Amino acid sequence: WYRQAPGKLREWVAIINSDGSTNYDGSVKGRFAISRDNAKNIVYLQ
């Protein structure tokens, strides 16, 4: 997941790997959660 605020560069937010492991940018760590439902082919960002 990436995000881009008006007038700013696009920044990386979070990743979920194929093994289910995750990493977050420090600005969202503890507030955001990335997950995946492989059966539905959907990735979520809470």
All heavy atoms as atom14 arrays in JSON, in Angstrom:
{
  "sequence": "WYRQAPGKLREWVAIINSDGSTNYDGSVKGRFAISRDNAKNIVYLQ",
  "atom14_mask": [
    [1, 1, 1, 1, 1, 1, 1, 1, 1, 1, 1, 1, 1, 1],
    [1, 1, 1, 1, 1, 1, 1, 1, 1, 1, 1, 1, 0, 0],
    [1, 1, 1, 1, 1, 1, 1, 1, 1, 1, 1, 0, 0, 0],
    [1, 1, 1, 1, 1, 1, 1, 1, 1, 0, 0, 0, 0, 0],
    [1, 1, 1, 1, 1, 0, 0, 0, 0, 0, 0, 0, 0, 0],
    [1, 1, 1, 1, 1, 1, 1, 0, 0, 0, 0, 0, 0, 0],
    [1, 1, 1, 1, 0, 0, 0, 0, 0, 0, 0, 0, 0, 0],
    [1, 1, 1, 1, 1, 1, 1, 1, 1, 0, 0, 0, 0, 0],
    [1, 1, 1, 1, 1, 1, 1, 1, 0, 0, 0, 0, 0, 0],
    [1, 1, 1, 1, 1, 1, 1, 1, 1, 1, 1, 0, 0, 0],
    [1, 1, 1, 1, 1, 1, 1, 1, 1, 0, 0, 0, 0, 0],
    [1, 1, 1, 1, 1, 1, 1, 1, 1, 1, 1, 1, 1, 1],
    [1, 1, 1, 1, 1, 1, 1, 0, 0, 0, 0, 0, 0, 0],
    [1, 1, 1, 1, 1, 0, 0, 0, 0, 0, 0, 0, 0, 0],
    [1, 1, 1, 1, 1, 1, 1, 1, 0, 0, 0, 0, 0, 0],
    [1, 1, 1, 1, 1, 1, 1, 1, 0, 0, 0, 0, 0, 0],
    [1, 1, 1, 1, 1, 1, 1, 1, 0, 0, 0, 0, 0, 0],
    [1, 1, 1, 1, 1, 1, 0, 0, 0, 0, 0, 0, 0, 0],
    [1, 1, 1, 1, 1, 1, 1, 1, 0, 0, 0, 0, 0, 0],
    [1, 1, 1, 1, 0, 0, 0, 0, 0, 0, 0, 0, 0, 0],
    [1, 1, 1, 1, 1, 1, 0, 0, 0, 0, 0, 0, 0, 0],
    [1, 1, 1, 1, 1, 1, 1, 0, 0, 0, 0, 0, 0, 0],
    [1, 1, 1, 1, 1, 1, 1, 1, 0, 0, 0, 0, 0, 0],
    [1, 1, 1, 1, 1, 1, 1, 1, 1, 1, 1, 1, 0, 0],
    [1, 1, 1, 1, 1, 1, 1, 1, 0, 0, 0, 0, 0, 0],
    [1, 1, 1, 1, 0, 0, 0, 0, 0, 0, 0, 0, 0, 0],
    [1, 1, 1, 1, 1, 1, 0, 0, 0, 0, 0, 0, 0, 0],
    [1, 1, 1, 1, 1, 1, 1, 0, 0, 0, 0, 0, 0, 0],
    [1, 1, 1, 1, 1, 1, 1, 1, 1, 0, 0, 0, 0, 0],
    [1, 1, 1, 1, 0, 0, 0, 0, 0, 0, 0, 0, 0, 0],
    [1, 1, 1, 1, 1, 1, 1, 1, 1, 1, 1, 0, 0, 0],
    [1, 1, 1, 1, 1, 1, 1, 1, 1, 1, 1, 0, 0, 0],
    [1, 1, 1, 1, 1, 0, 0, 0, 0, 0, 0, 0, 0, 0],
    [1, 1, 1, 1, 1, 1, 1, 1, 0, 0, 0, 0, 0, 0],
    [1, 1, 1, 1, 1, 1, 0, 0, 0, 0, 0, 0, 0, 0],
    [1, 1, 1, 1, 1, 1, 1, 1, 1, 1, 1, 0, 0, 0],
    [1, 1, 1, 1, 1, 1, 1, 1, 0, 0, 0, 0, 0, 0],
    [1, 1, 1, 1, 1, 1, 1, 1, 0, 0, 0, 0, 0, 0],
    [1, 1, 1, 1, 1, 0, 0, 0, 0, 0, 0, 0, 0, 0],
    [1, 1, 1, 1, 1, 1, 1, 1, 1, 0, 0, 0, 0, 0],
    [1, 1, 1, 1, 1, 1, 1, 1, 0, 0, 0, 0, 0, 0],
    [1, 1, 1, 1, 1, 1, 1, 1, 0, 0, 0, 0, 0, 0],
    [1, 1, 1, 1, 1, 1, 1, 0, 0, 0, 0, 0, 0, 0],
    [1, 1, 1, 1, 1, 1, 1, 1, 1, 1, 1, 1, 0, 0],
    [1, 1, 1, 1, 1, 1, 1, 1, 0, 0, 0, 0, 0, 0],
    [1, 1, 1, 1, 1, 1, 1, 1, 1, 0, 0, 0, 0, 0]
  ],
  "atom14_positions": [
    [[0.85, -1.19, 0.0], [0.0, 0.0, 0.0], [0.89, 1.24, 0.0], [1.88, 1.31, 0.74], [-0.92, 0.05, 1.22], [-2.12, -0.83, 1.13], [-2.28, -2.06, 1.69], [-3.36, -0.54, 0.46], [-3.53, -2.56, 1.41], [-4.21, -1.65, 0.65], [-3.82, 0.55, -0.29], [-5.5, -1.69, 0.12], [-5.1, 0.5, -0.82], [-5.93, -0.61, -0.61]],
    [[0.53, 2.21, -0.83], [1.16, 3.52, -0.88], [0.09, 4.58, -0.72], [-1.09, 4.31, -0.91], [1.88, 3.74, -2.22], [3.15, 2.94, -2.42], [3.1, 1.59, -2.77], [4.39, 3.55, -2.31], [4.25, 0.86, -2.97], [5.56, 2.83, -2.52], [5.48, 1.49, -2.85], [6.63, 0.78, -3.07], [0.0, 0.0, 0.0], [0.0, 0.0, 0.0]],
    [[0.52, 5.8, -0.41], [-0.41, 6.91, -0.38], [0.28, 8.17, -0.88], [1.5, 8.29, -0.83], [-0.97, 7.14, 1.02], [0.05, 7.61, 2.05], [-0.58, 7.68, 3.43], [0.36, 8.12, 4.44], [0.09, 8.16, 5.74], [-1.1, 7.77, 6.19], [1.0, 8.58, 6.6], [0.0, 0.0, 0.0], [0.0, 0.0, 0.0], [0.0, 0.0, 0.0]],
    [[-0.52, 9.1, -1.36], [0.0, 10.36, -1.87], [-0.92, 11.5, -1.45], [-2.07, 11.55, -1.85], [0.13, 10.31, -3.4], [0.84, 11.51, -3.99], [1.24, 11.29, -5.43], [0.65, 10.46, -6.13], [2.24, 12.01, -5.89], [0.0, 0.0, 0.0], [0.0, 0.0, 0.0], [0.0, 0.0, 0.0], [0.0, 0.0, 0.0], [0.0, 0.0, 0.0]],
    [[-0.37, 12.39, -0.65], [-1.1, 13.58, -0.23], [-0.96, 14.67, -1.28], [0.0, 14.67, -2.05], [-0.59, 14.07, 1.12], [0.0, 0.0, 0.0], [0.0, 0.0, 0.0], [0.0, 0.0, 0.0], [0.0, 0.0, 0.0], [0.0, 0.0, 0.0], [0.0, 0.0, 0.0], [0.0, 0.0, 0.0], [0.0, 0.0, 0.0], [0.0, 0.0, 0.0]],
    [[-1.89, 15.62, -1.34], [-1.8, 16.7, -2.32], [-0.48, 17.45, -2.23], [-0.07, 17.86, -1.14], [-2.98, 17.61, -1.96], [-3.96, 16.69, -1.31], [-3.12, 15.71, -0.53], [0.0, 0.0, 0.0], [0.0, 0.0, 0.0], [0.0, 0.0, 0.0], [0.0, 0.0, 0.0], [0.0, 0.0, 0.0], [0.0, 0.0, 0.0], [0.0, 0.0, 0.0]],
    [[0.2, 17.6, -3.36], [1.45, 18.33, -3.41], [2.65, 17.6, -2.83], [3.72, 18.19, -2.71], [0.0, 0.0, 0.0], [0.0, 0.0, 0.0], [0.0, 0.0, 0.0], [0.0, 0.0, 0.0], [0.0, 0.0, 0.0], [0.0, 0.0, 0.0], [0.0, 0.0, 0.0], [0.0, 0.0, 0.0], [0.0, 0.0, 0.0], [0.0, 0.0, 0.0]],
    [[2.49, 16.33, -2.48], [3.58, 15.57, -1.89], [3.89, 14.33, -2.73], [3.11, 13.91, -3.58], [3.23, 15.15, -0.46], [3.16, 16.32, 0.52], [2.94, 15.83, 1.93], [3.12, 16.94, 2.94], [2.23, 18.09, 2.68], [0.0, 0.0, 0.0], [0.0, 0.0, 0.0], [0.0, 0.0, 0.0], [0.0, 0.0, 0.0], [0.0, 0.0, 0.0]],
    [[5.07, 13.76, -2.47], [5.48, 12.55, -3.16], [4.7, 11.35, -2.64], [4.24, 11.33, -1.5], [6.97, 12.31, -2.96], [7.93, 13.35, -3.53], [9.36, 13.02, -3.12], [7.81, 13.42, -5.04], [0.0, 0.0, 0.0], [0.0, 0.0, 0.0], [0.0, 0.0, 0.0], [0.0, 0.0, 0.0], [0.0, 0.0, 0.0], [0.0, 0.0, 0.0]],
    [[4.57, 10.36, -3.49], [3.96, 9.12, -3.07], [4.86, 8.41, -2.06], [6.08, 8.32, -2.27], [3.7, 8.23, -4.28], [2.87, 6.99, -3.98], [2.44, 6.3, -5.28], [1.63, 7.17, -6.12], [1.08, 6.8, -7.27], [1.25, 5.56, -7.71], [0.37, 7.67, -7.97], [0.0, 0.0, 0.0], [0.0, 0.0, 0.0], [0.0, 0.0, 0.0]],
    [[4.29, 7.93, -0.99], [5.06, 7.28, 0.05], [4.54, 5.87, 0.33], [3.34, 5.61, 0.25], [5.05, 8.11, 1.34], [3.68, 8.26, 1.98], [3.73, 9.02, 3.29], [4.83, 9.25, 3.81], [2.65, 9.4, 3.79], [0.0, 0.0, 0.0], [0.0, 0.0, 0.0], [0.0, 0.0, 0.0], [0.0, 0.0, 0.0], [0.0, 0.0, 0.0]],
    [[5.45, 5.0, 0.65], [5.11, 3.64, 0.99], [4.49, 3.57, 2.38], [4.92, 4.27, 3.3], [6.38, 2.77, 0.95], [6.19, 1.37, 1.42], [5.65, 0.33, 0.72], [6.55, 0.85, 2.7], [5.65, -0.81, 1.5], [6.21, -0.52, 2.71], [7.14, 1.41, 3.84], [6.42, -1.33, 3.81], [7.36, 0.6, 4.94], [7.01, -0.75, 4.92]],
    [[3.49, 2.72, 2.54], [2.75, 2.63, 3.79], [2.93, 1.27, 4.46], [3.24, 1.19, 5.65], [1.25, 2.9, 3.57], [0.46, 2.65, 4.85], [1.04, 4.33, 3.08], [0.0, 0.0, 0.0], [0.0, 0.0, 0.0], [0.0, 0.0, 0.0], [0.0, 0.0, 0.0], [0.0, 0.0, 0.0], [0.0, 0.0, 0.0], [0.0, 0.0, 0.0]],
    [[2.71, 0.19, 3.7], [2.73, -1.14, 4.3], [2.92, -2.2, 3.24], [2.69, -1.97, 2.05], [1.43, -1.41, 5.07], [0.0, 0.0, 0.0], [0.0, 0.0, 0.0], [0.0, 0.0, 0.0], [0.0, 0.0, 0.0], [0.0, 0.0, 0.0], [0.0, 0.0, 0.0], [0.0, 0.0, 0.0], [0.0, 0.0, 0.0], [0.0, 0.0, 0.0]],
    [[3.35, -3.37, 3.67], [3.51, -4.52, 2.79], [3.04, -5.77, 3.51], [3.22, -5.91, 4.72], [4.98, -4.69, 2.33], [5.1, -5.82, 1.3], [5.9, -4.93, 3.52], [6.49, -5.92, 0.67], [0.0, 0.0, 0.0], [0.0, 0.0, 0.0], [0.0, 0.0, 0.0], [0.0, 0.0, 0.0], [0.0, 0.0, 0.0], [0.0, 0.0, 0.0]],
    [[2.44, -6.66, 2.75], [2.18, -8.01, 3.24], [2.79, -8.97, 2.23], [2.52, -8.9, 1.03], [0.68, -8.27, 3.46], [0.48, -9.67, 4.07], [-0.13, -8.1, 2.19], [-0.9, -9.88, 4.67], [0.0, 0.0, 0.0], [0.0, 0.0, 0.0], [0.0, 0.0, 0.0], [0.0, 0.0, 0.0], [0.0, 0.0, 0.0], [0.0, 0.0, 0.0]],
    [[3.64, -9.86, 2.73], [4.35, -10.79, 1.88], [3.53, -12.05, 1.65], [2.49, -12.27, 2.28], [5.7, -11.14, 2.5], [6.6, -9.94, 2.63], [7.02, -9.36, 1.62], [6.91, -9.54, 3.86], [0.0, 0.0, 0.0], [0.0, 0.0, 0.0], [0.0, 0.0, 0.0], [0.0, 0.0, 0.0], [0.0, 0.0, 0.0], [0.0, 0.0, 0.0]],
    [[4.02, -12.88, 0.74], [3.3, -14.1, 0.42], [3.2, -15.05, 1.6], [2.26, -15.84, 1.68], [3.96, -14.81, -0.77], [5.31, -15.12, -0.48], [0.0, 0.0, 0.0], [0.0, 0.0, 0.0], [0.0, 0.0, 0.0], [0.0, 0.0, 0.0], [0.0, 0.0, 0.0], [0.0, 0.0, 0.0], [0.0, 0.0, 0.0], [0.0, 0.0, 0.0]],
    [[4.16, -14.97, 2.52], [4.12, -15.82, 3.7], [3.28, -15.22, 4.83], [3.2, -15.79, 5.91], [5.53, -16.12, 4.21], [6.27, -14.89, 4.69], [5.71, -13.79, 4.64], [7.43, -15.05, 5.12], [0.0, 0.0, 0.0], [0.0, 0.0, 0.0], [0.0, 0.0, 0.0], [0.0, 0.0, 0.0], [0.0, 0.0, 0.0], [0.0, 0.0, 0.0]],
    [[2.67, -14.06, 4.59], [1.82, -13.42, 5.57], [2.52, -12.43, 6.47], [1.85, -11.73, 7.25], [0.0, 0.0, 0.0], [0.0, 0.0, 0.0], [0.0, 0.0, 0.0], [0.0, 0.0, 0.0], [0.0, 0.0, 0.0], [0.0, 0.0, 0.0], [0.0, 0.0, 0.0], [0.0, 0.0, 0.0], [0.0, 0.0, 0.0], [0.0, 0.0, 0.0]],
    [[3.83, -12.33, 6.41], [4.55, -11.37, 7.22], [4.27, -9.95, 6.74], [3.96, -9.73, 5.56], [6.05, -11.65, 7.2], [6.57, -11.55, 5.89], [0.0, 0.0, 0.0], [0.0, 0.0, 0.0], [0.0, 0.0, 0.0], [0.0, 0.0, 0.0], [0.0, 0.0, 0.0], [0.0, 0.0, 0.0], [0.0, 0.0, 0.0], [0.0, 0.0, 0.0]],
    [[4.37, -8.98, 7.65], [4.01, -7.6, 7.34], [5.07, -6.64, 7.84], [5.83, -6.94, 8.77], [2.67, -7.22, 7.96], [2.75, -7.36, 9.39], [1.56, -8.12, 7.44], [0.0, 0.0, 0.0], [0.0, 0.0, 0.0], [0.0, 0.0, 0.0], [0.0, 0.0, 0.0], [0.0, 0.0, 0.0], [0.0, 0.0, 0.0], [0.0, 0.0, 0.0]],
    [[5.11, -5.47, 7.23], [5.94, -4.36, 7.68], [5.19, -3.06, 7.41], [4.39, -2.99, 6.48], [7.29, -4.34, 6.97], [8.22, -5.42, 7.45], [8.39, -6.44, 6.8], [8.84, -5.2, 8.63], [0.0, 0.0, 0.0], [0.0, 0.0, 0.0], [0.0, 0.0, 0.0], [0.0, 0.0, 0.0], [0.0, 0.0, 0.0], [0.0, 0.0, 0.0]],
    [[5.5, -2.04, 8.22], [4.8, -0.77, 8.13], [5.77, 0.39, 8.2], [6.83, 0.31, 8.84], [3.8, -0.62, 9.28], [2.76, -1.71, 9.34], [2.99, -2.88, 10.05], [1.55, -1.55, 8.68], [2.04, -3.88, 10.1], [0.59, -2.55, 8.73], [0.84, -3.71, 9.44], [-0.12, -4.7, 9.49], [0.0, 0.0, 0.0], [0.0, 0.0, 0.0]],
    [[5.38, 1.48, 7.57], [6.09, 2.72, 7.78], [5.86, 3.18, 9.21], [4.79, 2.96, 9.79], [5.6, 3.78, 6.8], [6.33, 5.09, 6.97], [7.49, 5.19, 6.52], [5.74, 6.02, 7.55], [0.0, 0.0, 0.0], [0.0, 0.0, 0.0], [0.0, 0.0, 0.0], [0.0, 0.0, 0.0], [0.0, 0.0, 0.0], [0.0, 0.0, 0.0]],
    [[6.87, 3.83, 9.78], [6.77, 4.25, 11.17], [5.6, 5.17, 11.45], [5.09, 5.19, 12.58], [0.0, 0.0, 0.0], [0.0, 0.0, 0.0], [0.0, 0.0, 0.0], [0.0, 0.0, 0.0], [0.0, 0.0, 0.0], [0.0, 0.0, 0.0], [0.0, 0.0, 0.0], [0.0, 0.0, 0.0], [0.0, 0.0, 0.0], [0.0, 0.0, 0.0]],
    [[5.15, 5.92, 10.46], [4.07, 6.87, 10.67], [2.72, 6.2, 10.89], [1.8, 6.83, 11.41], [3.98, 7.84, 9.49], [3.62, 7.17, 8.3], [0.0, 0.0, 0.0], [0.0, 0.0, 0.0], [0.0, 0.0, 0.0], [0.0, 0.0, 0.0], [0.0, 0.0, 0.0], [0.0, 0.0, 0.0], [0.0, 0.0, 0.0], [0.0, 0.0, 0.0]],
    [[2.59, 4.94, 10.49], [1.31, 4.25, 10.62], [1.4, 3.03, 11.52], [0.36, 2.44, 11.86], [0.75, 3.83, 9.25], [0.66, 5.03, 8.32], [1.6, 2.73, 8.62], [0.0, 0.0, 0.0], [0.0, 0.0, 0.0], [0.0, 0.0, 0.0], [0.0, 0.0, 0.0], [0.0, 0.0, 0.0], [0.0, 0.0, 0.0], [0.0, 0.0, 0.0]],
    [[2.58, 2.64, 11.91], [2.77, 1.46, 12.74], [1.98, 1.6, 14.05], [2.06, 2.62, 14.73], [4.25, 1.26, 13.04], [4.58, -0.08, 13.68], [6.08, -0.24, 13.85], [6.44, -1.59, 14.46], [6.11, -2.7, 13.53], [0.0, 0.0, 0.0], [0.0, 0.0, 0.0], [0.0, 0.0, 0.0], [0.0, 0.0, 0.0], [0.0, 0.0, 0.0]],
    [[1.23, 0.57, 14.36], [0.41, 0.58, 15.55], [-1.0, 1.08, 15.31], [-1.88, 0.85, 16.15], [0.0, 0.0, 0.0], [0.0, 0.0, 0.0], [0.0, 0.0, 0.0], [0.0, 0.0, 0.0], [0.0, 0.0, 0.0], [0.0, 0.0, 0.0], [0.0, 0.0, 0.0], [0.0, 0.0, 0.0], [0.0, 0.0, 0.0], [0.0, 0.0, 0.0]],
    [[-1.22, 1.75, 14.19], [-2.55, 2.26, 13.85], [-3.18, 1.53, 12.66], [-4.39, 1.37, 12.61], [-2.49, 3.75, 13.53], [-2.0, 4.61, 14.67], [-2.15, 6.1, 14.34], [-1.37, 6.48, 13.16], [-1.89, 6.99, 12.04], [-3.2, 7.19, 11.95], [-1.1, 7.32, 11.03], [0.0, 0.0, 0.0], [0.0, 0.0, 0.0], [0.0, 0.0, 0.0]],
    [[-2.34, 1.13, 11.72], [-2.82, 0.45, 10.51], [-2.48, -1.03, 10.58], [-1.48, -1.43, 11.2], [-2.16, 1.03, 9.26], [-2.61, 2.42, 8.9], [-3.34, 3.2, 9.77], [-2.26, 2.95, 7.66], [-3.74, 4.49, 9.43], [-2.65, 4.23, 7.3], [-3.39, 5.0, 8.18], [0.0, 0.0, 0.0], [0.0, 0.0, 0.0], [0.0, 0.0, 0.0]],
    [[-3.28, -1.84, 9.93], [-3.03, -3.27, 9.84], [-3.35, -3.76, 8.44], [-4.45, -3.54, 7.94], [-3.84, -4.03, 10.88], [0.0, 0.0, 0.0], [0.0, 0.0, 0.0], [0.0, 0.0, 0.0], [0.0, 0.0, 0.0], [0.0, 0.0, 0.0], [0.0, 0.0, 0.0], [0.0, 0.0, 0.0], [0.0, 0.0, 0.0], [0.0, 0.0, 0.0]],
    [[-2.39, -4.4, 7.81], [-2.58, -4.98, 6.49], [-2.84, -6.47, 6.64], [-2.22, -7.13, 7.47], [-1.36, -4.7, 5.58], [-1.64, -5.12, 4.14], [-0.11, -5.35, 6.13], [-0.56, -4.68, 3.16], [0.0, 0.0, 0.0], [0.0, 0.0, 0.0], [0.0, 0.0, 0.0], [0.0, 0.0, 0.0], [0.0, 0.0, 0.0], [0.0, 0.0, 0.0]],
    [[-3.77, -6.97, 5.85], [-4.1, -8.38, 5.9], [-4.52, -8.85, 4.51], [-4.73, -8.03, 3.61], [-5.22, -8.65, 6.92], [-6.41, -7.96, 6.55], [0.0, 0.0, 0.0], [0.0, 0.0, 0.0], [0.0, 0.0, 0.0], [0.0, 0.0, 0.0], [0.0, 0.0, 0.0], [0.0, 0.0, 0.0], [0.0, 0.0, 0.0], [0.0, 0.0, 0.0]],
    [[-4.63, -10.15, 4.35], [-5.02, -10.67, 3.05], [-5.97, -11.84, 3.19], [-5.88, -12.63, 4.14], [-3.78, -11.07, 2.23], [-2.95, -12.21, 2.8], [-1.58, -12.27, 2.12], [-1.69, -12.35, 0.67], [-0.73, -11.99, -0.18], [0.42, -11.52, 0.27], [-0.93, -12.11, -1.49], [0.0, 0.0, 0.0], [0.0, 0.0, 0.0], [0.0, 0.0, 0.0]],
    [[-6.87, -11.94, 2.23], [-7.78, -13.06, 2.11], [-7.48, -13.69, 0.77], [-8.0, -13.26, -0.27], [-9.23, -12.6, 2.21], [-10.21, -13.76, 2.23], [-9.87, -14.85, 1.75], [-11.34, -13.57, 2.73], [0.0, 0.0, 0.0], [0.0, 0.0, 0.0], [0.0, 0.0, 0.0], [0.0, 0.0, 0.0], [0.0, 0.0, 0.0], [0.0, 0.0, 0.0]],
    [[-6.65, -14.7, 0.77], [-6.21, -15.3, -0.48], [-7.34, -15.97, -1.24], [-7.34, -15.99, -2.47], [-5.09, -16.3, -0.22], [-3.79, -15.63, 0.18], [-3.52, -14.5, -0.21], [-2.98, -16.33, 0.97], [0.0, 0.0, 0.0], [0.0, 0.0, 0.0], [0.0, 0.0, 0.0], [0.0, 0.0, 0.0], [0.0, 0.0, 0.0], [0.0, 0.0, 0.0]],
    [[-8.32, -16.5, -0.53], [-9.45, -17.14, -1.19], [-10.26, -16.15, -2.01], [-10.82, -16.51, -3.04], [-10.33, -17.83, -0.16], [0.0, 0.0, 0.0], [0.0, 0.0, 0.0], [0.0, 0.0, 0.0], [0.0, 0.0, 0.0], [0.0, 0.0, 0.0], [0.0, 0.0, 0.0], [0.0, 0.0, 0.0], [0.0, 0.0, 0.0], [0.0, 0.0, 0.0]],
    [[-10.32, -14.9, -1.54], [-11.06, -13.87, -2.24], [-10.18, -12.99, -3.13], [-10.69, -12.12, -3.84], [-11.8, -12.97, -1.24], [-12.87, -13.68, -0.44], [-13.56, -12.72, 0.51], [-14.65, -13.42, 1.3], [-15.31, -12.49, 2.25], [0.0, 0.0, 0.0], [0.0, 0.0, 0.0], [0.0, 0.0, 0.0], [0.0, 0.0, 0.0], [0.0, 0.0, 0.0]],
    [[-8.87, -13.2, -3.07], [-7.93, -12.38, -3.83], [-8.05, -10.9, -3.46], [-8.05, -10.02, -4.32], [-8.12, -12.57, -5.33], [-6.92, -13.2, -6.01], [-6.16, -13.95, -5.39], [-6.75, -12.9, -7.29], [0.0, 0.0, 0.0], [0.0, 0.0, 0.0], [0.0, 0.0, 0.0], [0.0, 0.0, 0.0], [0.0, 0.0, 0.0], [0.0, 0.0, 0.0]],
    [[-8.13, -10.64, -2.16], [-8.27, -9.28, -1.66], [-7.26, -9.02, -0.56], [-7.03, -9.88, 0.29], [-9.69, -9.02, -1.11], [-10.73, -9.16, -2.22], [-9.78, -7.63, -0.48], [-12.16, -9.01, -1.75], [0.0, 0.0, 0.0], [0.0, 0.0, 0.0], [0.0, 0.0, 0.0], [0.0, 0.0, 0.0], [0.0, 0.0, 0.0], [0.0, 0.0, 0.0]],
    [[-6.65, -7.84, -0.59], [-5.8, -7.36, 0.48], [-6.48, -6.16, 1.11], [-7.02, -5.3, 0.41], [-4.4, -7.01, -0.03], [-3.61, -6.24, 1.03], [-3.65, -8.27, -0.42], [0.0, 0.0, 0.0], [0.0, 0.0, 0.0], [0.0, 0.0, 0.0], [0.0, 0.0, 0.0], [0.0, 0.0, 0.0], [0.0, 0.0, 0.0], [0.0, 0.0, 0.0]],
    [[-6.44, -6.1, 2.43], [-7.1, -5.03, 3.17], [-6.08, -4.15, 3.88], [-4.98, -4.58, 4.21], [-8.04, -5.6, 4.23], [-9.11, -6.51, 3.69], [-8.97, -7.89, 3.73], [-10.28, -5.98, 3.14], [-9.96, -8.73, 3.23], [-11.26, -6.81, 2.64], [-11.1, -8.19, 2.69], [-12.09, -9.01, 2.21], [0.0, 0.0, 0.0], [0.0, 0.0, 0.0]],
    [[-6.48, -2.92, 4.12], [-5.73, -2.02, 4.98], [-6.7, -1.43, 5.98], [-7.51, -0.57, 5.64], [-5.04, -0.91, 4.18], [-4.14, 0.01, 4.99], [-2.92, -0.75, 5.51], [-3.69, 1.22, 4.17], [0.0, 0.0, 0.0], [0.0, 0.0, 0.0], [0.0, 0.0, 0.0], [0.0, 0.0, 0.0], [0.0, 0.0, 0.0], [0.0, 0.0, 0.0]],
    [[-6.64, -1.92, 7.21], [-7.46, -1.39, 8.29], [-6.75, -0.19, 8.89], [-5.61, -0.31, 9.35], [-7.69, -2.46, 9.36], [-8.51, -1.98, 10.56], [-9.93, -1.66, 10.2], [-10.6, -2.45, 9.53], [-10.42, -0.51, 10.64], [0.0, 0.0, 0.0], [0.0, 0.0, 0.0], [0.0, 0.0, 0.0], [0.0, 0.0, 0.0], [0.0, 0.0, 0.0]]
  ]
}
